Amino acid sequence: MPSTENNRNTAPPAQILTFQVGGQIYGLGLLSVVEIGNWSEIRPLPAAPHYIAGVINVRGTALSVVDMGIFFKERAQRAEKAAHTSIILVDLGAVRVGLLVDRVCDIVSMQGVEIQPVPAAGGRESGKVLSGLAIIGDDIIGLLDLPAFGASIELPNVTANMLNH
């Protein structure tokens, strides 16, 4: 099997949570998911990177939210907060963040699923943060590599005070 930068030598998780961004399906290890919710208000942050949708209040803690559609270049503008959008909370090292996705799809067992390397992506961010591709039935699921994702984004320094203004 050829070795590529995107073909990481880690075993796939036993189960993944799949989610949709634009027309694409992505997945991340189920044990990486802290919580899934639909918080009512995302407050914008001035001068934040373009893929930061803003911050949410999770039980008194301000958390940054990454709009995955903008990050993956599936859309140019922030997703409208709608009933079907969800925020997946994950820990990136010591920092908890929200991933704004179009919808959460399913929990999928990875037993017997072969992970294929990510083809050269022409410089797109998705190729840098995916650990591989899982082909399940007719679906091709990009597996999000959370450490690589965390290293590729700039998170604003948020505090609870930002929620009170």
N, C-alpha and C. Protein backbone atom coordinates (compact mmCIF):
# COMPACT_ATOMS: atom_id res chain seq x y z
N MET A 1 0.85 -1.17 0.00
CA MET A 1 0.00 0.00 0.00
C MET A 1 0.89 1.23 0.00
N PRO A 2 0.68 2.20 -0.90
CA PRO A 2 1.54 3.36 -0.97
C PRO A 2 1.37 4.23 0.26
N SER A 3 2.46 4.84 0.64
CA SER A 3 2.43 5.73 1.80
C SER A 3 2.26 7.16 1.32
N THR A 4 1.28 7.85 1.87
CA THR A 4 1.08 9.26 1.55
C THR A 4 0.95 10.03 2.84
N GLU A 5 1.06 11.34 2.72
CA GLU A 5 0.92 12.20 3.89
C GLU A 5 -0.45 12.02 4.52
N ASN A 6 -1.49 11.79 3.72
CA ASN A 6 -2.84 11.67 4.24
C ASN A 6 -3.18 10.27 4.69
N ASN A 7 -2.33 9.31 4.47
CA ASN A 7 -2.59 7.94 4.89
C ASN A 7 -1.91 7.74 6.25
N ARG A 8 -2.62 8.09 7.29
CA ARG A 8 -2.05 8.05 8.63
C ARG A 8 -2.08 6.62 9.14
N ASN A 9 -1.07 6.24 9.90
CA ASN A 9 -0.95 4.88 10.39
C ASN A 9 -1.68 4.71 11.72
N THR A 10 -2.94 5.03 11.74
CA THR A 10 -3.74 4.84 12.93
C THR A 10 -4.93 3.98 12.57
N ALA A 11 -5.35 3.18 13.53
CA ALA A 11 -6.51 2.34 13.30
C ALA A 11 -7.76 3.20 13.26
N PRO A 12 -8.70 2.89 12.39
CA PRO A 12 -9.94 3.67 12.36
C PRO A 12 -10.73 3.43 13.64
N PRO A 13 -11.55 4.40 14.02
CA PRO A 13 -12.38 4.19 15.20
C PRO A 13 -13.38 3.07 14.96
N ALA A 14 -13.87 2.46 16.04
CA ALA A 14 -14.85 1.37 15.91
C ALA A 14 -16.16 1.88 15.33
N GLN A 15 -16.54 3.12 15.70
CA GLN A 15 -17.75 3.73 15.18
C GLN A 15 -17.47 5.18 14.86
N ILE A 16 -18.17 5.70 13.86
CA ILE A 16 -18.04 7.11 13.53
C ILE A 16 -19.41 7.77 13.54
N LEU A 17 -19.41 9.05 13.80
CA LEU A 17 -20.60 9.88 13.64
C LEU A 17 -20.47 10.52 12.27
N THR A 18 -21.46 10.34 11.42
CA THR A 18 -21.40 10.94 10.10
C THR A 18 -22.24 12.21 10.09
N PHE A 19 -21.79 13.17 9.29
CA PHE A 19 -22.49 14.44 9.17
C PHE A 19 -22.33 14.97 7.75
N GLN A 20 -23.26 15.81 7.35
CA GLN A 20 -23.26 16.36 6.00
C GLN A 20 -22.88 17.82 6.02
N VAL A 21 -22.03 18.20 5.07
CA VAL A 21 -21.64 19.58 4.83
C VAL A 21 -21.73 19.78 3.32
N GLY A 22 -22.63 20.67 2.90
CA GLY A 22 -22.88 20.79 1.48
C GLY A 22 -23.40 19.46 0.99
N GLY A 23 -22.88 18.95 -0.08
CA GLY A 23 -23.30 17.66 -0.59
C GLY A 23 -22.41 16.51 -0.17
N GLN A 24 -21.47 16.77 0.74
CA GLN A 24 -20.48 15.76 1.12
C GLN A 24 -20.79 15.18 2.50
N ILE A 25 -20.40 13.92 2.69
CA ILE A 25 -20.55 13.25 3.98
C ILE A 25 -19.16 13.11 4.60
N TYR A 26 -19.07 13.47 5.87
CA TYR A 26 -17.83 13.36 6.64
C TYR A 26 -18.13 12.54 7.89
N GLY A 27 -17.07 12.07 8.52
CA GLY A 27 -17.24 11.32 9.75
C GLY A 27 -16.10 11.61 10.71
N LEU A 28 -16.38 11.42 11.98
CA LEU A 28 -15.34 11.52 12.99
C LEU A 28 -15.62 10.47 14.05
N GLY A 29 -14.57 10.04 14.73
CA GLY A 29 -14.69 9.00 15.73
C GLY A 29 -15.76 9.34 16.75
N LEU A 30 -16.66 8.41 16.99
CA LEU A 30 -17.77 8.65 17.91
C LEU A 30 -17.27 9.05 19.30
N LEU A 31 -16.16 8.47 19.74
CA LEU A 31 -15.64 8.79 21.06
C LEU A 31 -15.07 10.21 21.14
N SER A 32 -14.89 10.86 19.99
CA SER A 32 -14.41 12.24 19.95
C SER A 32 -15.53 13.24 20.18
N VAL A 33 -16.77 12.78 20.05
CA VAL A 33 -17.92 13.67 20.16
C VAL A 33 -18.27 13.87 21.63
N VAL A 34 -18.29 15.13 22.05
CA VAL A 34 -18.65 15.47 23.43
C VAL A 34 -20.16 15.62 23.55
N GLU A 35 -20.75 16.32 22.57
CA GLU A 35 -22.18 16.61 22.62
C GLU A 35 -22.63 17.06 21.24
N ILE A 36 -23.90 16.86 20.94
CA ILE A 36 -24.50 17.35 19.70
C ILE A 36 -25.69 18.20 20.11
N GLY A 37 -25.80 19.39 19.53
CA GLY A 37 -26.91 20.25 19.91
C GLY A 37 -27.29 21.19 18.80
N ASN A 38 -28.30 21.98 19.09
CA ASN A 38 -28.79 22.99 18.17
C ASN A 38 -28.98 24.26 18.97
N TRP A 39 -27.86 24.91 19.33
CA TRP A 39 -27.92 26.10 20.14
C TRP A 39 -28.59 27.22 19.36
N SER A 40 -29.40 27.98 20.07
CA SER A 40 -30.27 28.95 19.40
C SER A 40 -29.54 30.16 18.85
N GLU A 41 -28.47 30.57 19.49
CA GLU A 41 -27.83 31.80 19.03
C GLU A 41 -26.32 31.62 18.91
N ILE A 42 -25.81 31.94 17.73
CA ILE A 42 -24.37 32.01 17.51
C ILE A 42 -24.03 33.49 17.40
N ARG A 43 -23.25 33.98 18.34
CA ARG A 43 -22.89 35.40 18.32
C ARG A 43 -21.62 35.59 17.50
N PRO A 44 -21.66 36.50 16.53
CA PRO A 44 -20.47 36.73 15.70
C PRO A 44 -19.33 37.35 16.50
N LEU A 45 -18.12 37.10 16.05
CA LEU A 45 -16.93 37.66 16.66
C LEU A 45 -16.23 38.57 15.65
N PRO A 46 -16.05 39.84 15.99
CA PRO A 46 -15.34 40.73 15.07
C PRO A 46 -13.90 40.26 14.86
N ALA A 47 -13.43 40.39 13.66
CA ALA A 47 -12.05 40.09 13.27
C ALA A 47 -11.66 38.62 13.45
N ALA A 48 -12.63 37.74 13.58
CA ALA A 48 -12.33 36.30 13.66
C ALA A 48 -12.05 35.79 12.24
N PRO A 49 -11.33 34.68 12.12
CA PRO A 49 -11.13 34.09 10.79
C PRO A 49 -12.48 33.83 10.11
N HIS A 50 -12.49 33.86 8.79
CA HIS A 50 -13.75 33.78 8.04
C HIS A 50 -14.54 32.51 8.32
N TYR A 51 -13.90 31.41 8.69
CA TYR A 51 -14.61 30.16 8.93
C TYR A 51 -15.17 30.06 10.35
N ILE A 52 -14.91 31.05 11.20
CA ILE A 52 -15.48 31.06 12.54
C ILE A 52 -16.86 31.70 12.46
N ALA A 53 -17.90 30.91 12.76
CA ALA A 53 -19.27 31.42 12.72
C ALA A 53 -19.53 32.36 13.89
N GLY A 54 -18.82 32.15 15.00
CA GLY A 54 -19.00 32.97 16.19
C GLY A 54 -18.82 32.11 17.43
N VAL A 55 -19.52 32.50 18.49
CA VAL A 55 -19.44 31.75 19.75
C VAL A 55 -20.84 31.39 20.22
N ILE A 56 -20.91 30.30 20.98
CA ILE A 56 -22.15 29.89 21.61
C ILE A 56 -21.93 29.79 23.11
N ASN A 57 -23.03 29.85 23.83
CA ASN A 57 -23.01 29.73 25.28
C ASN A 57 -23.44 28.31 25.63
N VAL A 58 -22.50 27.53 26.14
CA VAL A 58 -22.81 26.16 26.56
C VAL A 58 -22.64 26.11 28.08
N ARG A 59 -23.77 26.22 28.76
CA ARG A 59 -23.79 26.19 30.22
C ARG A 59 -22.79 27.16 30.84
N GLY A 60 -22.79 28.40 30.33
CA GLY A 60 -21.94 29.45 30.89
C GLY A 60 -20.54 29.52 30.34
N THR A 61 -20.20 28.67 29.39
CA THR A 61 -18.88 28.67 28.77
C THR A 61 -19.01 29.10 27.31
N ALA A 62 -18.20 30.08 26.91
CA ALA A 62 -18.19 30.55 25.52
C ALA A 62 -17.31 29.62 24.69
N LEU A 63 -17.88 29.06 23.65
CA LEU A 63 -17.14 28.16 22.77
C LEU A 63 -17.17 28.69 21.34
N SER A 64 -16.02 28.65 20.68
CA SER A 64 -15.96 29.02 19.26
C SER A 64 -16.67 27.97 18.43
N VAL A 65 -17.28 28.43 17.32
CA VAL A 65 -17.96 27.53 16.39
C VAL A 65 -17.35 27.70 15.01
N VAL A 66 -16.89 26.60 14.43
CA VAL A 66 -16.32 26.60 13.08
C VAL A 66 -17.42 26.20 12.11
N ASP A 67 -17.68 27.05 11.12
CA ASP A 67 -18.64 26.72 10.06
C ASP A 67 -17.91 25.80 9.09
N MET A 68 -18.22 24.52 9.16
CA MET A 68 -17.51 23.53 8.35
C MET A 68 -17.75 23.71 6.86
N GLY A 69 -18.88 24.28 6.49
CA GLY A 69 -19.14 24.56 5.07
C GLY A 69 -18.18 25.58 4.52
N ILE A 70 -17.88 26.61 5.29
CA ILE A 70 -16.91 27.60 4.85
C ILE A 70 -15.51 27.00 4.90
N PHE A 71 -15.21 26.26 5.96
CA PHE A 71 -13.88 25.66 6.08
C PHE A 71 -13.59 24.74 4.89
N PHE A 72 -14.56 23.90 4.53
CA PHE A 72 -14.37 22.98 3.41
C PHE A 72 -14.67 23.60 2.06
N LYS A 73 -14.96 24.90 2.06
CA LYS A 73 -15.23 25.65 0.82
C LYS A 73 -16.45 25.10 0.07
N GLU A 74 -17.42 24.60 0.82
CA GLU A 74 -18.68 24.14 0.22
C GLU A 74 -19.63 25.31 0.02
N ARG A 75 -19.39 26.41 0.74
CA ARG A 75 -20.20 27.62 0.57
C ARG A 75 -19.33 28.82 0.91
N ALA A 76 -19.72 29.97 0.39
CA ALA A 76 -18.92 31.18 0.59
C ALA A 76 -19.35 31.96 1.82
N GLN A 77 -20.62 31.82 2.23
CA GLN A 77 -21.12 32.59 3.35
C GLN A 77 -21.56 31.66 4.46
N ARG A 78 -21.64 32.21 5.66
CA ARG A 78 -22.05 31.45 6.82
C ARG A 78 -23.43 30.83 6.60
N ALA A 79 -23.58 29.61 7.06
CA ALA A 79 -24.86 28.92 6.96
C ALA A 79 -25.90 29.66 7.77
N GLU A 80 -27.07 29.77 7.23
CA GLU A 80 -28.17 30.32 8.01
C GLU A 80 -28.52 29.32 9.08
N LYS A 81 -28.70 29.81 10.29
CA LYS A 81 -29.08 28.93 11.39
C LYS A 81 -30.49 28.44 11.10
N ALA A 82 -30.63 27.17 10.92
CA ALA A 82 -31.93 26.59 10.58
C ALA A 82 -32.19 25.41 11.49
N ALA A 83 -33.40 24.93 11.45
CA ALA A 83 -33.79 23.83 12.33
C ALA A 83 -32.95 22.58 12.07
N HIS A 84 -32.49 22.41 10.83
CA HIS A 84 -31.76 21.18 10.52
C HIS A 84 -30.26 21.27 10.75
N THR A 85 -29.71 22.48 10.99
CA THR A 85 -28.28 22.55 11.26
C THR A 85 -28.01 22.07 12.68
N SER A 86 -26.82 21.55 12.89
CA SER A 86 -26.42 21.05 14.20
C SER A 86 -25.02 21.53 14.50
N ILE A 87 -24.70 21.52 15.77
CA ILE A 87 -23.35 21.83 16.22
C ILE A 87 -22.85 20.61 16.98
N ILE A 88 -21.70 20.09 16.53
CA ILE A 88 -21.06 18.95 17.17
C ILE A 88 -19.91 19.50 18.02
N LEU A 89 -19.95 19.26 19.32
CA LEU A 89 -18.88 19.70 20.19
C LEU A 89 -17.79 18.63 20.25
N VAL A 90 -16.56 19.07 20.04
CA VAL A 90 -15.39 18.17 20.10
C VAL A 90 -14.28 18.89 20.85
N ASP A 91 -13.34 18.12 21.37
CA ASP A 91 -12.17 18.68 22.02
C ASP A 91 -10.99 18.62 21.06
N LEU A 92 -10.37 19.77 20.85
CA LEU A 92 -9.15 19.86 20.06
C LEU A 92 -8.02 20.12 21.04
N GLY A 93 -7.43 19.07 21.53
CA GLY A 93 -6.46 19.22 22.61
C GLY A 93 -7.19 19.67 23.86
N ALA A 94 -6.77 20.80 24.40
CA ALA A 94 -7.38 21.34 25.62
C ALA A 94 -8.52 22.31 25.33
N VAL A 95 -8.86 22.49 24.06
CA VAL A 95 -9.87 23.48 23.68
C VAL A 95 -11.11 22.77 23.13
N ARG A 96 -12.26 23.09 23.67
CA ARG A 96 -13.52 22.55 23.15
C ARG A 96 -14.08 23.54 22.13
N VAL A 97 -14.50 23.01 20.97
CA VAL A 97 -15.06 23.84 19.91
C VAL A 97 -16.31 23.17 19.35
N GLY A 98 -17.10 23.98 18.67
CA GLY A 98 -18.27 23.47 17.97
C GLY A 98 -18.02 23.42 16.48
N LEU A 99 -18.54 22.39 15.85
CA LEU A 99 -18.48 22.25 14.40
C LEU A 99 -19.89 22.44 13.87
N LEU A 100 -20.14 23.51 13.14
CA LEU A 100 -21.46 23.78 12.56
C LEU A 100 -21.57 22.98 11.27
N VAL A 101 -22.51 22.05 11.24
CA VAL A 101 -22.71 21.18 10.08
C VAL A 101 -24.14 21.32 9.60
N ASP A 102 -24.37 20.94 8.34
CA ASP A 102 -25.72 21.04 7.79
C ASP A 102 -26.67 20.07 8.46
N ARG A 103 -26.19 18.87 8.72
CA ARG A 103 -27.01 17.92 9.47
C ARG A 103 -26.15 16.76 9.95
N VAL A 104 -26.55 16.20 11.09
CA VAL A 104 -25.93 14.98 11.59
C VAL A 104 -26.69 13.83 10.95
N CYS A 105 -25.95 12.85 10.44
CA CYS A 105 -26.59 11.77 9.69
C CYS A 105 -26.82 10.52 10.54
N ASP A 106 -25.74 9.86 10.98
CA ASP A 106 -25.90 8.54 11.57
C ASP A 106 -24.64 8.16 12.33
N ILE A 107 -24.75 7.08 13.10
CA ILE A 107 -23.60 6.44 13.71
C ILE A 107 -23.34 5.18 12.89
N VAL A 108 -22.12 5.02 12.42
CA VAL A 108 -21.77 3.95 11.50
C VAL A 108 -20.67 3.08 12.10
N SER A 109 -20.85 1.78 12.05
CA SER A 109 -19.81 0.84 12.47
C SER A 109 -18.73 0.78 11.40
N MET A 110 -17.48 0.79 11.82
CA MET A 110 -16.38 0.73 10.87
C MET A 110 -15.82 -0.68 10.74
N GLN A 111 -16.47 -1.64 11.35
CA GLN A 111 -16.00 -3.03 11.28
C GLN A 111 -16.00 -3.49 9.83
N GLY A 112 -14.84 -3.95 9.37
CA GLY A 112 -14.70 -4.46 8.01
C GLY A 112 -14.61 -3.40 6.93
N VAL A 113 -14.58 -2.13 7.30
CA VAL A 113 -14.51 -1.06 6.31
C VAL A 113 -13.05 -0.74 6.03
N GLU A 114 -12.69 -0.76 4.76
CA GLU A 114 -11.33 -0.41 4.36
C GLU A 114 -11.22 1.10 4.20
N ILE A 115 -10.18 1.66 4.79
CA ILE A 115 -9.92 3.09 4.67
C ILE A 115 -8.93 3.31 3.53
N GLN A 116 -9.32 4.16 2.60
CA GLN A 116 -8.46 4.46 1.46
C GLN A 116 -7.81 5.82 1.65
N PRO A 117 -6.62 6.00 1.09
CA PRO A 117 -5.96 7.31 1.21
C PRO A 117 -6.74 8.39 0.46
N VAL A 118 -6.56 9.62 0.90
CA VAL A 118 -7.20 10.77 0.25
C VAL A 118 -6.38 11.12 -0.99
N PRO A 119 -7.02 11.17 -2.16
CA PRO A 119 -6.27 11.58 -3.37
C PRO A 119 -5.78 13.02 -3.23
N ALA A 120 -4.78 13.37 -4.02
CA ALA A 120 -4.29 14.75 -4.01
C ALA A 120 -5.46 15.69 -4.22
N ALA A 121 -5.57 16.70 -3.35
CA ALA A 121 -6.76 17.55 -3.37
C ALA A 121 -6.50 18.94 -3.92
N GLY A 122 -5.39 19.12 -4.59
CA GLY A 122 -5.13 20.41 -5.23
C GLY A 122 -5.07 21.56 -4.24
N GLY A 123 -4.55 21.31 -3.04
CA GLY A 123 -4.39 22.39 -2.08
C GLY A 123 -5.62 22.68 -1.24
N ARG A 124 -6.72 21.99 -1.48
CA ARG A 124 -7.93 22.24 -0.67
C ARG A 124 -7.69 21.82 0.77
N GLU A 125 -8.31 22.56 1.68
CA GLU A 125 -8.15 22.29 3.11
C GLU A 125 -8.61 20.88 3.47
N SER A 126 -9.62 20.36 2.78
CA SER A 126 -10.16 19.06 3.14
C SER A 126 -9.11 17.97 3.04
N GLY A 127 -8.24 18.04 2.05
CA GLY A 127 -7.21 17.01 1.90
C GLY A 127 -6.19 17.03 3.02
N LYS A 128 -6.03 18.17 3.67
CA LYS A 128 -5.05 18.31 4.74
C LYS A 128 -5.58 17.81 6.07
N VAL A 129 -6.89 17.71 6.23
CA VAL A 129 -7.46 17.37 7.53
C VAL A 129 -8.25 16.06 7.52
N LEU A 130 -8.17 15.33 6.43
CA LEU A 130 -8.83 14.03 6.37
C LEU A 130 -7.79 12.93 6.52
N SER A 131 -8.11 11.95 7.36
CA SER A 131 -7.16 10.84 7.55
C SER A 131 -7.35 9.76 6.50
N GLY A 132 -8.47 9.78 5.80
CA GLY A 132 -8.73 8.79 4.77
C GLY A 132 -10.17 8.87 4.32
N LEU A 133 -10.51 7.97 3.42
CA LEU A 133 -11.87 7.87 2.89
C LEU A 133 -12.41 6.48 3.17
N ALA A 134 -13.61 6.44 3.72
CA ALA A 134 -14.28 5.16 3.95
C ALA A 134 -15.38 5.02 2.91
N ILE A 135 -15.37 3.91 2.20
CA ILE A 135 -16.42 3.66 1.22
C ILE A 135 -17.38 2.65 1.82
N ILE A 136 -18.60 3.11 2.06
CA ILE A 136 -19.63 2.28 2.68
C ILE A 136 -20.85 2.34 1.78
N GLY A 137 -21.14 1.23 1.14
CA GLY A 137 -22.23 1.21 0.17
C GLY A 137 -21.89 2.15 -0.97
N ASP A 138 -22.79 3.08 -1.26
CA ASP A 138 -22.56 4.07 -2.31
C ASP A 138 -21.93 5.35 -1.79
N ASP A 139 -21.75 5.43 -0.47
CA ASP A 139 -21.23 6.66 0.12
C ASP A 139 -19.71 6.65 0.24
N ILE A 140 -19.12 7.80 0.01
CA ILE A 140 -17.71 8.02 0.28
C ILE A 140 -17.67 9.00 1.44
N ILE A 141 -17.12 8.57 2.56
CA ILE A 141 -17.11 9.36 3.78
C ILE A 141 -15.69 9.83 4.06
N GLY A 142 -15.51 11.14 4.09
CA GLY A 142 -14.22 11.71 4.46
C GLY A 142 -14.07 11.67 5.97
N LEU A 143 -13.00 11.04 6.44
CA LEU A 143 -12.78 10.89 7.88
C LEU A 143 -11.96 12.06 8.42
N LEU A 144 -12.59 12.88 9.24
CA LEU A 144 -11.95 14.07 9.78
C LEU A 144 -10.89 13.68 10.81
N ASP A 145 -9.68 14.16 10.61
CA ASP A 145 -8.57 13.95 11.52
C ASP A 145 -8.55 15.15 12.46
N LEU A 146 -9.09 14.99 13.68
CA LEU A 146 -9.23 16.12 14.59
C LEU A 146 -7.91 16.79 14.94
N PRO A 147 -6.81 16.05 15.25
CA PRO A 147 -5.55 16.75 15.52
C PRO A 147 -5.07 17.60 14.33
N ALA A 148 -5.17 17.08 13.13
CA ALA A 148 -4.76 17.84 11.94
C ALA A 148 -5.69 19.04 11.73
N PHE A 149 -6.98 18.84 11.94
CA PHE A 149 -7.95 19.93 11.82
C PHE A 149 -7.62 21.03 12.83
N GLY A 150 -7.40 20.64 14.08
CA GLY A 150 -7.07 21.61 15.11
C GLY A 150 -5.81 22.40 14.80
N ALA A 151 -4.83 21.73 14.21
CA ALA A 151 -3.58 22.40 13.86
C ALA A 151 -3.74 23.34 12.67
N SER A 152 -4.78 23.14 11.87
CA SER A 152 -4.94 23.93 10.64
C SER A 152 -5.82 25.16 10.82
N ILE A 153 -6.45 25.30 11.98
CA ILE A 153 -7.34 26.45 12.18
C ILE A 153 -6.79 27.37 13.25
N GLU A 154 -7.23 28.61 13.16
CA GLU A 154 -6.89 29.62 14.18
C GLU A 154 -8.17 29.90 14.94
N LEU A 155 -8.12 29.66 16.25
CA LEU A 155 -9.30 29.90 17.09
C LEU A 155 -9.12 31.21 17.85
N PRO A 156 -10.18 32.02 17.89
CA PRO A 156 -10.09 33.25 18.67
C PRO A 156 -10.08 32.93 20.16
N ASN A 157 -9.51 33.80 20.94
CA ASN A 157 -9.50 33.66 22.39
C ASN A 157 -10.84 34.20 22.89
N VAL A 158 -11.72 33.32 23.32
CA VAL A 158 -13.06 33.74 23.75
C VAL A 158 -13.17 33.61 25.26
N THR A 159 -14.01 34.49 25.81
CA THR A 159 -14.28 34.47 27.25
C THR A 159 -15.77 34.57 27.45
N ALA A 160 -16.22 34.23 28.64
CA ALA A 160 -17.65 34.32 28.97
C ALA A 160 -18.14 35.76 28.86
N ASN A 161 -17.27 36.75 29.04
CA ASN A 161 -17.68 38.16 28.93
C ASN A 161 -18.25 38.48 27.56
N MET A 162 -17.79 37.76 26.52
CA MET A 162 -18.26 38.02 25.16
C MET A 162 -19.73 37.68 25.02
N LEU A 163 -20.24 36.82 25.87
CA LEU A 163 -21.63 36.42 25.77
C LEU A 163 -22.57 37.43 26.41
N ASN A 164 -22.05 38.34 27.19
CA ASN A 164 -22.89 39.28 27.93
C ASN A 164 -23.03 40.61 27.23
N HIS A 165 -22.47 40.75 26.04
CA HIS A 165 -22.54 42.04 25.33
C HIS A 165 -23.45 41.97 24.16
